N, C-alpha and C. Protein backbone atom coordinates (compact mmCIF):
# COMPACT_ATOMS: atom_id res chain seq x y z
N MET A 1 8.70 46.57 38.71
CA MET A 1 7.81 46.31 39.82
C MET A 1 6.51 47.11 39.68
N ASN A 2 6.56 48.28 39.06
CA ASN A 2 5.37 49.11 38.94
C ASN A 2 4.27 48.47 38.12
N GLU A 3 4.65 47.68 37.08
CA GLU A 3 3.61 47.05 36.27
C GLU A 3 2.79 46.05 37.08
N MET A 4 3.36 45.50 38.14
CA MET A 4 2.67 44.48 38.93
C MET A 4 1.46 45.05 39.66
N LYS A 5 1.45 46.32 39.97
CA LYS A 5 0.29 46.87 40.67
C LYS A 5 -0.94 46.91 39.78
N HIS A 6 -0.77 46.74 38.49
CA HIS A 6 -1.90 46.71 37.56
C HIS A 6 -2.53 45.31 37.47
N TYR A 7 -1.89 44.33 38.10
CA TYR A 7 -2.41 42.96 38.12
C TYR A 7 -3.18 42.73 39.40
N LYS A 8 -4.18 41.86 39.33
CA LYS A 8 -4.86 41.44 40.55
C LYS A 8 -5.28 39.98 40.39
N PHE A 9 -5.34 39.28 41.52
CA PHE A 9 -5.78 37.89 41.53
C PHE A 9 -7.25 37.84 41.84
N ALA A 10 -7.91 36.83 41.30
CA ALA A 10 -9.35 36.69 41.51
C ALA A 10 -9.72 35.20 41.57
N PRO A 11 -10.75 34.88 42.35
CA PRO A 11 -11.22 33.50 42.34
C PRO A 11 -11.76 33.16 40.94
N ILE A 12 -11.66 31.91 40.58
CA ILE A 12 -12.13 31.46 39.28
C ILE A 12 -12.64 30.04 39.41
N GLU A 13 -13.64 29.69 38.66
CA GLU A 13 -14.17 28.32 38.64
C GLU A 13 -13.23 27.42 37.83
N LEU A 14 -13.18 26.15 38.19
CA LEU A 14 -12.32 25.21 37.47
C LEU A 14 -12.69 25.14 36.00
N LYS A 15 -13.97 25.16 35.69
CA LYS A 15 -14.39 25.08 34.28
C LYS A 15 -13.86 26.27 33.48
N ASP A 16 -13.80 27.45 34.11
CA ASP A 16 -13.27 28.63 33.43
C ASP A 16 -11.75 28.56 33.30
N ALA A 17 -11.08 28.07 34.34
CA ALA A 17 -9.63 27.87 34.26
C ALA A 17 -9.31 26.87 33.15
N ASN A 18 -10.07 25.79 33.08
CA ASN A 18 -9.83 24.77 32.06
C ASN A 18 -10.09 25.30 30.65
N ARG A 19 -11.08 26.15 30.50
CA ARG A 19 -11.34 26.75 29.19
C ARG A 19 -10.13 27.60 28.76
N PHE A 20 -9.58 28.34 29.71
CA PHE A 20 -8.40 29.17 29.44
C PHE A 20 -7.20 28.28 29.08
N ILE A 21 -7.00 27.22 29.86
CA ILE A 21 -5.90 26.28 29.61
C ILE A 21 -6.03 25.65 28.23
N ALA A 22 -7.24 25.22 27.87
CA ALA A 22 -7.46 24.60 26.57
C ALA A 22 -7.12 25.57 25.43
N GLN A 23 -7.35 26.82 25.65
CA GLN A 23 -7.09 27.82 24.62
C GLN A 23 -5.63 28.27 24.55
N PHE A 24 -4.97 28.40 25.70
CA PHE A 24 -3.67 29.06 25.71
C PHE A 24 -2.47 28.22 26.13
N HIS A 25 -2.67 27.07 26.78
CA HIS A 25 -1.50 26.32 27.26
C HIS A 25 -0.75 25.69 26.08
N ARG A 26 0.59 25.77 26.14
CA ARG A 26 1.41 25.30 25.02
C ARG A 26 1.39 23.78 24.85
N HIS A 27 1.29 23.02 25.93
CA HIS A 27 1.42 21.57 25.78
C HIS A 27 0.56 20.73 26.72
N ASN A 28 -0.07 21.31 27.72
CA ASN A 28 -0.89 20.52 28.64
C ASN A 28 -2.38 20.73 28.39
N LYS A 29 -3.14 19.72 28.74
CA LYS A 29 -4.59 19.78 28.62
C LYS A 29 -5.20 20.23 29.95
N PRO A 30 -6.49 20.54 29.94
CA PRO A 30 -7.17 20.91 31.20
C PRO A 30 -7.06 19.80 32.24
N VAL A 31 -7.30 20.16 33.49
CA VAL A 31 -7.21 19.21 34.59
C VAL A 31 -8.60 18.66 34.94
N VAL A 32 -8.62 17.49 35.55
CA VAL A 32 -9.88 16.85 35.91
C VAL A 32 -10.43 17.38 37.22
N ARG A 33 -9.55 17.53 38.21
CA ARG A 33 -10.00 18.05 39.52
C ARG A 33 -8.88 18.85 40.15
N ALA A 34 -9.26 19.66 41.12
CA ALA A 34 -8.28 20.52 41.77
C ALA A 34 -8.72 20.82 43.19
N LYS A 35 -7.78 21.27 43.99
CA LYS A 35 -8.09 21.76 45.33
C LYS A 35 -8.52 23.22 45.26
N PHE A 36 -7.83 24.03 44.43
CA PHE A 36 -8.24 25.41 44.20
C PHE A 36 -7.58 25.93 42.92
N GLN A 37 -8.13 27.01 42.42
CA GLN A 37 -7.60 27.65 41.24
C GLN A 37 -7.86 29.15 41.33
N ILE A 38 -6.98 29.94 40.71
CA ILE A 38 -7.13 31.39 40.71
C ILE A 38 -6.86 31.93 39.32
N GLY A 39 -7.39 33.11 39.08
CA GLY A 39 -7.13 33.81 37.84
C GLY A 39 -6.27 35.02 38.11
N LEU A 40 -5.55 35.47 37.11
CA LEU A 40 -4.76 36.69 37.18
C LEU A 40 -5.34 37.66 36.17
N MET A 41 -5.71 38.83 36.66
CA MET A 41 -6.37 39.83 35.83
C MET A 41 -5.43 41.01 35.61
N LYS A 42 -5.51 41.59 34.43
CA LYS A 42 -4.91 42.91 34.18
C LYS A 42 -6.09 43.78 33.78
N GLY A 43 -6.46 44.64 34.69
CA GLY A 43 -7.72 45.37 34.51
C GLY A 43 -8.87 44.38 34.62
N GLU A 44 -9.70 44.33 33.63
CA GLU A 44 -10.82 43.39 33.61
C GLU A 44 -10.56 42.19 32.71
N VAL A 45 -9.33 42.05 32.23
CA VAL A 45 -8.98 40.98 31.29
C VAL A 45 -8.25 39.85 32.01
N LEU A 46 -8.75 38.63 31.84
CA LEU A 46 -8.09 37.45 32.38
C LEU A 46 -6.85 37.16 31.54
N ILE A 47 -5.68 37.21 32.17
CA ILE A 47 -4.43 36.96 31.44
C ILE A 47 -3.74 35.68 31.87
N GLY A 48 -4.23 35.05 32.93
CA GLY A 48 -3.59 33.82 33.38
C GLY A 48 -4.40 33.09 34.41
N VAL A 49 -4.08 31.80 34.56
CA VAL A 49 -4.74 30.97 35.57
C VAL A 49 -3.69 30.07 36.22
N GLY A 50 -3.98 29.67 37.44
CA GLY A 50 -3.16 28.71 38.16
C GLY A 50 -4.07 27.71 38.84
N VAL A 51 -3.69 26.43 38.77
CA VAL A 51 -4.50 25.35 39.34
C VAL A 51 -3.63 24.49 40.24
N VAL A 52 -4.11 24.26 41.46
CA VAL A 52 -3.39 23.44 42.44
C VAL A 52 -4.26 22.26 42.83
N GLY A 53 -3.63 21.09 42.95
CA GLY A 53 -4.35 19.89 43.36
C GLY A 53 -3.44 18.96 44.13
N ARG A 54 -3.94 17.77 44.40
CA ARG A 54 -3.09 16.80 45.08
C ARG A 54 -2.06 16.30 44.08
N PRO A 55 -0.91 15.85 44.56
CA PRO A 55 0.13 15.39 43.63
C PRO A 55 -0.35 14.24 42.75
N ILE A 56 0.01 14.32 41.48
CA ILE A 56 -0.35 13.26 40.52
C ILE A 56 0.35 11.95 40.90
N ALA A 57 1.62 12.04 41.30
CA ALA A 57 2.36 10.85 41.71
C ALA A 57 1.84 10.42 43.09
N ARG A 58 1.24 9.26 43.16
CA ARG A 58 0.60 8.79 44.40
C ARG A 58 1.55 8.75 45.59
N MET A 59 2.81 8.43 45.35
CA MET A 59 3.78 8.32 46.45
C MET A 59 4.06 9.69 47.10
N LEU A 60 3.75 10.77 46.40
CA LEU A 60 3.98 12.11 46.95
C LEU A 60 2.72 12.68 47.61
N SER A 61 1.62 11.97 47.48
CA SER A 61 0.35 12.45 48.04
C SER A 61 0.25 12.02 49.50
N ASP A 62 0.79 12.87 50.38
CA ASP A 62 0.88 12.56 51.80
C ASP A 62 -0.06 13.40 52.67
N GLY A 63 -0.91 14.21 52.03
CA GLY A 63 -1.82 15.07 52.77
C GLY A 63 -1.20 16.40 53.19
N LYS A 64 0.12 16.52 53.05
CA LYS A 64 0.82 17.75 53.41
C LYS A 64 1.43 18.44 52.20
N THR A 65 1.31 17.78 51.04
CA THR A 65 1.92 18.27 49.81
C THR A 65 0.84 18.54 48.77
N VAL A 66 0.97 19.65 48.06
CA VAL A 66 0.12 19.93 46.91
C VAL A 66 1.00 20.17 45.69
N GLU A 67 0.39 20.01 44.54
CA GLU A 67 1.10 20.20 43.28
C GLU A 67 0.46 21.33 42.49
N VAL A 68 1.28 22.22 41.98
CA VAL A 68 0.78 23.19 41.00
C VAL A 68 0.62 22.40 39.71
N LEU A 69 -0.63 22.12 39.37
CA LEU A 69 -0.92 21.28 38.21
C LEU A 69 -0.80 22.05 36.91
N ARG A 70 -1.19 23.31 36.93
CA ARG A 70 -1.09 24.15 35.73
C ARG A 70 -0.86 25.61 36.13
N THR A 71 0.00 26.24 35.38
CA THR A 71 0.03 27.69 35.30
C THR A 71 -0.05 27.97 33.81
N CYS A 72 -0.84 28.95 33.47
CA CYS A 72 -1.01 29.30 32.07
C CYS A 72 -1.21 30.81 32.00
N ILE A 73 -0.26 31.46 31.37
CA ILE A 73 -0.28 32.92 31.26
C ILE A 73 -0.21 33.27 29.78
N LYS A 74 -1.04 34.22 29.36
CA LYS A 74 -0.93 34.70 27.98
C LYS A 74 0.45 35.30 27.77
N GLU A 75 0.94 35.24 26.54
CA GLU A 75 2.26 35.79 26.24
C GLU A 75 2.25 37.31 26.38
N SER A 76 3.41 37.86 26.57
CA SER A 76 3.65 39.31 26.64
C SER A 76 3.25 39.95 27.97
N TYR A 77 3.25 39.17 29.04
CA TYR A 77 2.99 39.72 30.37
C TYR A 77 4.18 39.37 31.26
N PRO A 78 5.22 40.21 31.24
CA PRO A 78 6.43 39.90 32.01
C PRO A 78 6.15 39.77 33.50
N ASN A 79 6.80 38.81 34.10
CA ASN A 79 6.73 38.53 35.54
C ASN A 79 5.40 37.94 36.00
N ALA A 80 4.43 37.82 35.14
CA ALA A 80 3.12 37.32 35.54
C ALA A 80 3.19 35.86 35.99
N CYS A 81 4.00 35.06 35.33
CA CYS A 81 4.10 33.64 35.72
C CYS A 81 4.75 33.50 37.09
N SER A 82 5.78 34.27 37.35
CA SER A 82 6.42 34.25 38.68
C SER A 82 5.44 34.69 39.76
N MET A 83 4.66 35.72 39.45
CA MET A 83 3.64 36.19 40.39
C MET A 83 2.62 35.10 40.68
N MET A 84 2.23 34.37 39.63
CA MET A 84 1.24 33.30 39.80
C MET A 84 1.80 32.21 40.72
N TYR A 85 3.02 31.75 40.44
CA TYR A 85 3.61 30.72 41.29
C TYR A 85 3.71 31.18 42.74
N ALA A 86 4.12 32.42 42.94
CA ALA A 86 4.26 32.94 44.31
C ALA A 86 2.91 32.96 45.02
N ARG A 87 1.86 33.38 44.34
CA ARG A 87 0.54 33.44 44.98
C ARG A 87 0.00 32.03 45.25
N LEU A 88 0.21 31.10 44.32
CA LEU A 88 -0.25 29.73 44.55
C LEU A 88 0.46 29.11 45.75
N LYS A 89 1.74 29.38 45.88
CA LYS A 89 2.49 28.90 47.05
C LYS A 89 1.95 29.53 48.33
N GLN A 90 1.72 30.83 48.30
CA GLN A 90 1.22 31.54 49.48
C GLN A 90 -0.13 30.99 49.93
N ILE A 91 -1.05 30.80 48.99
CA ILE A 91 -2.37 30.26 49.33
C ILE A 91 -2.24 28.85 49.88
N SER A 92 -1.41 28.04 49.26
CA SER A 92 -1.21 26.66 49.73
C SER A 92 -0.71 26.63 51.16
N GLN A 93 0.25 27.49 51.47
CA GLN A 93 0.78 27.55 52.83
C GLN A 93 -0.28 28.05 53.82
N LEU A 94 -1.07 29.03 53.41
CA LEU A 94 -2.14 29.52 54.28
C LEU A 94 -3.17 28.42 54.57
N LEU A 95 -3.35 27.52 53.63
CA LEU A 95 -4.27 26.39 53.83
C LEU A 95 -3.64 25.28 54.67
N GLY A 96 -2.36 25.43 55.01
CA GLY A 96 -1.71 24.46 55.89
C GLY A 96 -0.83 23.43 55.20
N TYR A 97 -0.68 23.54 53.89
CA TYR A 97 0.19 22.59 53.20
C TYR A 97 1.65 22.95 53.48
N GLU A 98 2.47 21.93 53.66
CA GLU A 98 3.86 22.13 54.02
C GLU A 98 4.79 22.13 52.82
N LYS A 99 4.36 21.52 51.73
CA LYS A 99 5.23 21.43 50.56
C LYS A 99 4.39 21.70 49.32
N VAL A 100 4.97 22.50 48.40
CA VAL A 100 4.33 22.80 47.12
C VAL A 100 5.31 22.38 46.04
N ILE A 101 4.86 21.49 45.16
CA ILE A 101 5.71 20.99 44.09
C ILE A 101 5.09 21.34 42.74
N THR A 102 5.91 21.28 41.72
CA THR A 102 5.43 21.41 40.35
C THR A 102 6.45 20.77 39.43
N TYR A 103 6.09 20.63 38.17
CA TYR A 103 6.96 20.02 37.18
C TYR A 103 7.11 20.96 35.99
N THR A 104 8.29 20.95 35.38
CA THR A 104 8.49 21.64 34.11
C THR A 104 9.19 20.68 33.16
N LEU A 105 8.98 20.90 31.89
CA LEU A 105 9.74 20.15 30.90
C LEU A 105 11.19 20.62 30.99
N GLN A 106 12.12 19.70 30.82
CA GLN A 106 13.53 20.08 30.91
C GLN A 106 13.92 21.09 29.83
N LYS A 107 13.21 21.08 28.71
CA LYS A 107 13.55 22.00 27.62
C LYS A 107 13.00 23.41 27.84
N GLU A 108 12.17 23.62 28.88
CA GLU A 108 11.64 24.94 29.15
C GLU A 108 12.67 25.79 29.89
N SER A 109 12.47 27.11 29.89
CA SER A 109 13.47 28.01 30.47
C SER A 109 13.53 27.93 32.00
N GLN A 110 12.42 27.71 32.67
CA GLN A 110 12.34 27.64 34.13
C GLN A 110 12.63 28.95 34.83
N SER A 111 12.65 30.05 34.11
CA SER A 111 13.03 31.34 34.69
C SER A 111 12.06 31.78 35.79
N SER A 112 10.78 31.49 35.65
CA SER A 112 9.80 31.90 36.67
C SER A 112 10.07 31.21 38.00
N LEU A 113 10.39 29.93 37.95
CA LEU A 113 10.67 29.20 39.18
C LEU A 113 12.02 29.59 39.78
N LYS A 114 13.00 29.83 38.93
CA LYS A 114 14.31 30.28 39.42
C LYS A 114 14.17 31.63 40.11
N ALA A 115 13.33 32.51 39.55
CA ALA A 115 13.12 33.83 40.13
C ALA A 115 12.54 33.75 41.54
N LEU A 116 11.77 32.70 41.81
CA LEU A 116 11.18 32.51 43.14
C LEU A 116 12.13 31.85 44.12
N GLY A 117 13.24 31.33 43.62
CA GLY A 117 14.15 30.60 44.49
C GLY A 117 13.73 29.15 44.66
N ALA A 118 12.88 28.65 43.77
CA ALA A 118 12.47 27.24 43.83
C ALA A 118 13.67 26.36 43.50
N SER A 119 13.61 25.11 43.97
CA SER A 119 14.73 24.18 43.78
C SER A 119 14.28 22.95 43.01
N ILE A 120 15.15 22.51 42.11
CA ILE A 120 14.91 21.22 41.44
C ILE A 120 15.23 20.14 42.46
N VAL A 121 14.26 19.25 42.69
CA VAL A 121 14.47 18.17 43.66
C VAL A 121 14.55 16.80 43.00
N ALA A 122 14.21 16.72 41.70
CA ALA A 122 14.31 15.44 41.00
C ALA A 122 14.24 15.65 39.50
N GLU A 123 14.91 14.75 38.80
CA GLU A 123 14.73 14.64 37.36
C GLU A 123 13.75 13.50 37.14
N VAL A 124 12.77 13.71 36.30
CA VAL A 124 11.73 12.72 36.08
C VAL A 124 11.81 12.23 34.64
N LYS A 125 11.97 10.93 34.49
CA LYS A 125 12.05 10.34 33.16
C LYS A 125 10.65 10.26 32.54
N PRO A 126 10.59 10.25 31.23
CA PRO A 126 9.29 10.10 30.57
C PRO A 126 8.61 8.82 31.03
N GLN A 127 7.30 8.90 31.20
CA GLN A 127 6.54 7.72 31.63
C GLN A 127 5.10 7.81 31.15
N ASP A 128 4.48 6.67 31.13
CA ASP A 128 3.08 6.58 30.74
C ASP A 128 2.26 6.42 32.01
N TRP A 129 1.27 7.29 32.21
CA TRP A 129 0.46 7.26 33.42
C TRP A 129 -0.73 6.31 33.30
N ASP A 130 -0.93 5.71 32.15
CA ASP A 130 -2.06 4.81 31.94
C ASP A 130 -1.79 3.46 32.60
N ARG A 131 -2.73 3.02 33.43
CA ARG A 131 -2.65 1.72 34.09
C ARG A 131 -3.97 0.98 33.87
N ILE A 132 -3.93 -0.31 33.96
CA ILE A 132 -5.15 -1.10 33.75
C ILE A 132 -6.25 -0.67 34.72
N ASP A 133 -5.89 -0.44 35.96
CA ASP A 133 -6.89 -0.06 36.96
C ASP A 133 -7.10 1.45 37.06
N ARG A 134 -6.39 2.22 36.24
CA ARG A 134 -6.49 3.68 36.28
C ARG A 134 -6.18 4.20 34.88
N ARG A 135 -7.19 4.20 34.01
CA ARG A 135 -6.99 4.56 32.61
C ARG A 135 -6.69 6.05 32.45
N ARG A 136 -5.72 6.36 31.63
CA ARG A 136 -5.37 7.74 31.31
C ARG A 136 -5.14 7.83 29.80
N THR A 137 -5.63 8.88 29.20
CA THR A 137 -5.40 9.12 27.79
C THR A 137 -3.98 9.64 27.62
N PRO A 138 -3.18 8.97 26.78
CA PRO A 138 -1.79 9.41 26.60
C PRO A 138 -1.73 10.83 26.03
N GLN A 139 -0.72 11.57 26.46
CA GLN A 139 -0.45 12.90 25.93
C GLN A 139 1.01 12.96 25.49
N LYS A 140 1.30 13.76 24.49
CA LYS A 140 2.67 13.89 24.00
C LYS A 140 3.63 14.30 25.11
N VAL A 141 3.15 15.13 26.02
CA VAL A 141 3.99 15.66 27.09
C VAL A 141 4.51 14.54 28.01
N TYR A 142 3.81 13.41 28.07
CA TYR A 142 4.27 12.29 28.90
C TYR A 142 5.61 11.73 28.43
N LYS A 143 5.95 11.95 27.17
CA LYS A 143 7.19 11.41 26.60
C LYS A 143 8.38 12.35 26.79
N GLU A 144 8.17 13.47 27.48
CA GLU A 144 9.21 14.47 27.69
C GLU A 144 9.86 14.33 29.06
N PRO A 145 11.19 14.45 29.15
CA PRO A 145 11.83 14.48 30.49
C PRO A 145 11.47 15.77 31.22
N LYS A 146 11.31 15.66 32.53
CA LYS A 146 10.87 16.81 33.34
C LYS A 146 11.76 16.99 34.57
N TYR A 147 11.60 18.15 35.18
CA TYR A 147 12.17 18.41 36.50
C TYR A 147 11.01 18.54 37.48
N ARG A 148 11.20 18.00 38.68
CA ARG A 148 10.26 18.26 39.76
C ARG A 148 10.88 19.35 40.63
N TRP A 149 10.10 20.36 40.93
CA TRP A 149 10.55 21.51 41.71
C TRP A 149 9.82 21.55 43.03
N GLU A 150 10.48 22.11 44.02
CA GLU A 150 9.84 22.44 45.28
C GLU A 150 9.89 23.96 45.41
N LEU A 151 8.71 24.55 45.58
CA LEU A 151 8.62 26.02 45.69
C LEU A 151 8.93 26.47 47.10
């Protein structure tokens, strides 16, 4: 717990969060738009970012739900990912959102979400988000089975 006092959260611009995501995220690309995003600092060094937006799945976009679209933490910072999820949930609730969801690949450890007491609410089969009326560039991650979590 003592190492956590050396971390601090800071506002960050989406373009800066996306630059970080492009450099450090293992499998996801930067996001197009967001409701808010924050950075996690250790001293003066940016070690992680979190981005929250409206749910990608249109049926879940009810005005009361937000989705953690990205968390991206540099390696070798224990508990930083759990801290990021907790702060994103806290900010979302302070803004009046009633539900915070996110997705993980089924092959990932999910330890950060388990540590928060988050619950798996659905298994999501691989799917292609590209539609004739809503073009999306395919990504490898779309072919992976996922879990949807509620924080």
